[in-house]
C-alpha cells in the first residue's frame, strides 16, 4: 500500500499523467476512509483534471469537504459539464449536504429544483420527503410522496416510505457520511451501466 502511494505521488516526466490522476483518486478515497477529509479534498482536486477520474472526484470532493468541516465547499454548486446523469446526482447530493449543514431551506430548494425538472425515479422526492419527516413536517412529506407515486406508481422505495409514514414509524436518519460518499459513486455508476446494457 505504501509503495503504491509513493509511486502515485511521483511527478516525474516518465509517469503517465493518467496514472498520477488515478493515484490522486485512490489516495483521496483512502484518506476519506481514514477520516481525513482535508487532504482528500486536495487529492480529488488533482483527480478532477483527469478524463477518466473527473466525475468520481467531482462527486466525492463535496463529501471530503464536509468531513473536513469545510461547510461552504461542501455545499458549493456542483458543475459536471456534459454529464447530465452525474450532474443530477451531484445536485441530489448537494441537497443532502445542505441538510447536514442544517441549511434546510436550501436543501428543500435544491430538491424541488430537481423535482421540477422531472425527478427520474422519484429520487429527489424521496430525499425531500425523508428530510421533511425528520423535520416533523409529516403532512408535507406525505404530499411529496403522493405526487411522486402518481408518476412512479411501481417504485418500491417511494411506496415503502409512504407506508412507513402512514404507519407512524420514524423516518430513516441521515446515513453516515462515508456511506453517503460511497453511494455518491454507486448510484450514477449503476445508471451508466443500465444505459450501456440498453444500447
Protein backbone atom coordinates (compact mmCIF):
# COMPACT_ATOMS: atom_id res chain seq x y z
CA UNK A 1 0.00 0.00 0.00
CA UNK A 2 2.73 2.48 0.93
CA UNK A 3 4.69 1.63 -2.21
CA UNK A 4 1.59 2.35 -4.29
CA UNK A 5 1.05 5.69 -2.59
CA UNK A 6 4.66 6.72 -3.15
CA UNK A 7 4.52 5.61 -6.77
CA UNK A 8 1.33 7.55 -7.46
CA UNK A 9 2.80 10.67 -5.88
CA UNK A 10 5.65 10.69 -8.36
CA UNK A 11 5.65 13.77 -10.57
CA UNK A 12 8.48 12.70 -12.86
CA UNK A 13 8.16 13.13 -16.60
CA UNK A 14 8.24 9.36 -17.08
CA UNK A 15 5.00 8.90 -15.16
CA UNK A 16 1.86 8.94 -17.27
CA UNK A 17 -0.47 11.76 -16.29
CA UNK A 18 -3.43 9.43 -16.08
CA UNK A 19 -1.58 7.34 -13.51
CA UNK A 20 -0.99 10.45 -11.42
CA UNK A 21 -4.69 11.35 -11.57
CA UNK A 22 -5.77 7.82 -10.77
CA UNK A 23 -3.33 7.77 -7.88
CA UNK A 24 -4.81 11.01 -6.55
CA UNK A 25 -8.30 9.50 -6.68
CA UNK A 26 -7.15 6.36 -4.86
CA UNK A 27 -5.37 8.38 -2.18
CA UNK A 28 -8.40 10.62 -1.74
CA UNK A 29 -10.64 7.61 -1.16
CA UNK A 30 -8.13 6.16 1.29
CA UNK A 31 -7.89 9.49 3.13
CA UNK A 32 -11.68 9.65 3.46
CA UNK A 33 -11.82 6.06 4.70
CA UNK A 34 -9.39 7.09 7.44
CA UNK A 35 -11.44 10.19 8.27
CA UNK A 36 -9.01 12.66 6.72
CA UNK A 37 -11.24 14.89 4.64
CA UNK A 38 -8.85 17.81 4.23
CA UNK A 39 -6.06 16.00 2.33
CA UNK A 40 -8.75 14.09 0.43
CA UNK A 41 -10.05 17.38 -0.97
CA UNK A 42 -6.64 18.17 -2.39
CA UNK A 43 -6.31 14.74 -3.94
CA UNK A 44 -9.74 14.93 -5.55
CA UNK A 45 -8.90 18.35 -6.97
CA UNK A 46 -5.95 16.76 -8.81
CA UNK A 47 -8.10 13.85 -9.95
CA UNK A 48 -10.73 16.23 -11.36
CA UNK A 49 -8.23 17.14 -14.10
CA UNK A 50 -8.30 13.62 -15.49
CA UNK A 51 -10.72 12.47 -18.14
CA UNK A 52 -11.13 9.06 -16.52
CA UNK A 53 -11.27 10.29 -12.91
CA UNK A 54 -13.01 13.68 -13.16
CA UNK A 55 -16.58 12.55 -12.48
CA UNK A 56 -15.71 10.39 -9.46
CA UNK A 57 -13.54 13.13 -7.98
CA UNK A 58 -16.19 15.80 -8.52
CA UNK A 59 -18.83 13.65 -6.83
CA UNK A 60 -16.60 12.83 -3.86
CA UNK A 61 -14.97 16.20 -3.20
CA UNK A 62 -18.04 17.78 -1.50
CA UNK A 63 -18.19 14.88 0.95
CA UNK A 64 -14.50 15.26 1.69
CA UNK A 65 -15.14 18.93 2.40
CA UNK A 66 -17.98 18.01 4.76
CA UNK A 67 -15.73 15.51 6.51
CA UNK A 68 -13.11 18.25 6.94
CA UNK A 69 -15.70 20.64 8.38
CA UNK A 70 -15.49 22.92 5.34
CA UNK A 71 -19.20 23.67 5.05
CA UNK A 72 -19.06 26.23 2.25
CA UNK A 73 -17.08 23.95 -0.06
CA UNK A 74 -19.32 21.00 0.77
CA UNK A 75 -22.44 22.84 -0.41
CA UNK A 76 -20.92 24.65 -3.38
CA UNK A 77 -22.89 24.43 -6.61
CA UNK A 78 -21.71 21.25 -8.37
CA UNK A 79 -20.83 21.55 -12.06
CA UNK A 80 -20.03 18.44 -14.12
CA UNK A 81 -20.09 19.60 -17.71
CA UNK A 82 -21.68 17.47 -20.45
CA UNK A 83 -22.56 14.70 -17.99
CA UNK A 84 -26.28 15.06 -17.19
CA UNK A 85 -26.53 11.85 -15.15
CA UNK A 86 -23.57 12.73 -12.95
CA UNK A 87 -24.81 16.33 -12.70
CA UNK A 88 -28.21 15.14 -11.48
CA UNK A 89 -26.64 13.03 -8.74
CA UNK A 90 -24.27 15.83 -7.78
CA UNK A 91 -27.27 18.13 -7.27
CA UNK A 92 -29.06 15.38 -5.35
CA UNK A 93 -26.05 15.03 -3.05
CA UNK A 94 -25.94 18.80 -2.65
CA UNK A 95 -29.41 18.64 -1.13
CA UNK A 96 -28.22 16.12 1.44
CA UNK A 97 -25.14 18.18 2.23
CA UNK A 98 -27.33 21.24 2.79
CA UNK A 99 -29.31 19.19 5.30
CA UNK A 100 -26.12 18.05 7.02
CA UNK A 101 -25.18 21.72 7.35
CA UNK A 102 -28.64 22.44 8.87
CA UNK A 103 -29.50 24.67 5.93
CA UNK A 104 -32.89 23.13 5.44
CA UNK A 105 -34.49 25.77 3.24
CA UNK A 106 -31.62 25.48 0.76
CA UNK A 107 -31.86 21.69 0.86
CA UNK A 108 -35.55 21.87 0.04
CA UNK A 109 -34.88 24.32 -2.78
CA UNK A 110 -32.25 22.01 -4.27
CA UNK A 111 -34.57 19.01 -4.15
CA UNK A 112 -37.55 20.91 -5.54
CA UNK A 113 -35.44 22.18 -8.44
CA UNK A 114 -34.69 18.56 -9.39
CA UNK A 115 -38.34 17.59 -8.98
CA UNK A 116 -39.37 20.43 -11.27
CA UNK A 117 -37.04 19.05 -13.95
CA UNK A 118 -38.67 15.61 -13.91
CA UNK A 119 -37.03 13.80 -10.98
CA UNK A 120 -36.31 10.44 -12.67
CA UNK A 121 -37.25 7.58 -10.40
CA UNK A 122 -38.57 9.95 -7.75
CA UNK A 123 -35.13 10.12 -6.14
CA UNK A 124 -35.28 13.79 -5.19
CA UNK A 125 -38.85 13.35 -3.94
CA UNK A 126 -37.72 10.51 -1.69
CA UNK A 127 -34.84 12.55 -0.27
CA UNK A 128 -37.04 15.59 0.26
CA UNK A 129 -39.81 13.56 1.86
CA UNK A 130 -37.42 11.93 4.30
CA UNK A 131 -35.90 15.27 5.22
CA UNK A 132 -39.34 16.76 5.83
CA UNK A 133 -40.21 13.78 8.02
CA UNK A 134 -37.04 14.27 10.05
CA UNK A 135 -38.08 17.89 10.50
CA UNK A 136 -41.53 16.86 11.70
CA UNK A 137 -43.36 18.09 8.59
CA UNK A 138 -45.25 14.87 8.01
CA UNK A 139 -48.14 16.32 6.02
CA UNK A 140 -45.77 17.98 3.57
CA UNK A 141 -43.80 14.75 3.30
CA UNK A 142 -46.98 12.80 2.56
CA UNK A 143 -47.87 15.22 -0.23
CA UNK A 144 -44.39 14.83 -1.75
CA UNK A 145 -44.61 11.05 -1.68
CA UNK A 146 -48.11 11.06 -3.17
CA UNK A 147 -47.10 13.35 -6.02
CA UNK A 148 -44.04 11.22 -6.77
CA UNK A 149 -46.05 7.98 -6.66
CA UNK A 150 -48.51 9.41 -9.16
CA UNK A 151 -45.61 9.47 -11.61
CA UNK A 152 -43.78 6.37 -10.34
CA UNK A 153 -46.55 4.00 -9.23
CA UNK A 154 -44.35 0.93 -9.09
CA UNK A 155 -41.43 2.49 -7.22
CA UNK A 156 -40.82 0.33 -4.17
CA UNK A 157 -38.75 2.86 -2.22
CA UNK A 158 -41.45 5.53 -2.53
CA UNK A 159 -44.20 3.04 -1.66
CA UNK A 160 -42.28 1.88 1.40
CA UNK A 161 -41.70 5.47 2.52
CA UNK A 162 -45.38 6.33 2.17
CA UNK A 163 -46.43 3.18 4.03
CA UNK A 164 -43.93 3.88 6.81
CA UNK A 165 -45.24 7.41 7.19
CA UNK A 166 -48.85 6.20 7.24
CA UNK A 167 -47.95 3.71 9.97
CA UNK A 168 -46.46 6.48 12.09
CA UNK A 169 -42.99 4.98 12.07
CA UNK A 170 -39.85 7.09 12.36
CA UNK A 171 -38.07 8.18 9.18
CA UNK A 172 -34.57 6.89 8.47
CA UNK A 173 -31.79 9.08 9.83
CA UNK A 174 -29.21 10.57 7.54
CA UNK A 175 -26.70 7.84 6.70
CA UNK A 176 -23.11 8.12 7.93
CA UNK A 177 -21.06 10.48 5.79
CA UNK A 178 -18.76 7.73 4.46
CA UNK A 179 -21.76 5.70 3.34
CA UNK A 180 -23.23 8.69 1.54
CA UNK A 181 -19.90 9.27 -0.20
CA UNK A 182 -19.82 5.64 -1.36
CA UNK A 183 -23.41 5.91 -2.61
CA UNK A 184 -22.47 9.10 -4.44
CA UNK A 185 -20.40 6.88 -6.74
CA UNK A 186 -22.57 3.77 -6.80
CA UNK A 187 -25.86 5.39 -7.82
CA UNK A 188 -24.70 7.14 -11.01
CA UNK A 189 -22.47 4.17 -11.87
CA UNK A 190 -25.47 1.85 -11.81
CA UNK A 191 -27.41 4.19 -14.11
CA UNK A 192 -24.49 4.34 -16.54
CA UNK A 193 -24.30 0.55 -16.59
CA UNK A 194 -28.04 0.13 -17.15
CA UNK A 195 -27.94 2.57 -20.04
CA UNK A 196 -24.97 0.76 -21.52
CA UNK A 197 -26.87 -2.52 -21.37
CA UNK A 198 -29.81 -0.92 -23.17
CA UNK A 199 -27.66 0.28 -26.06
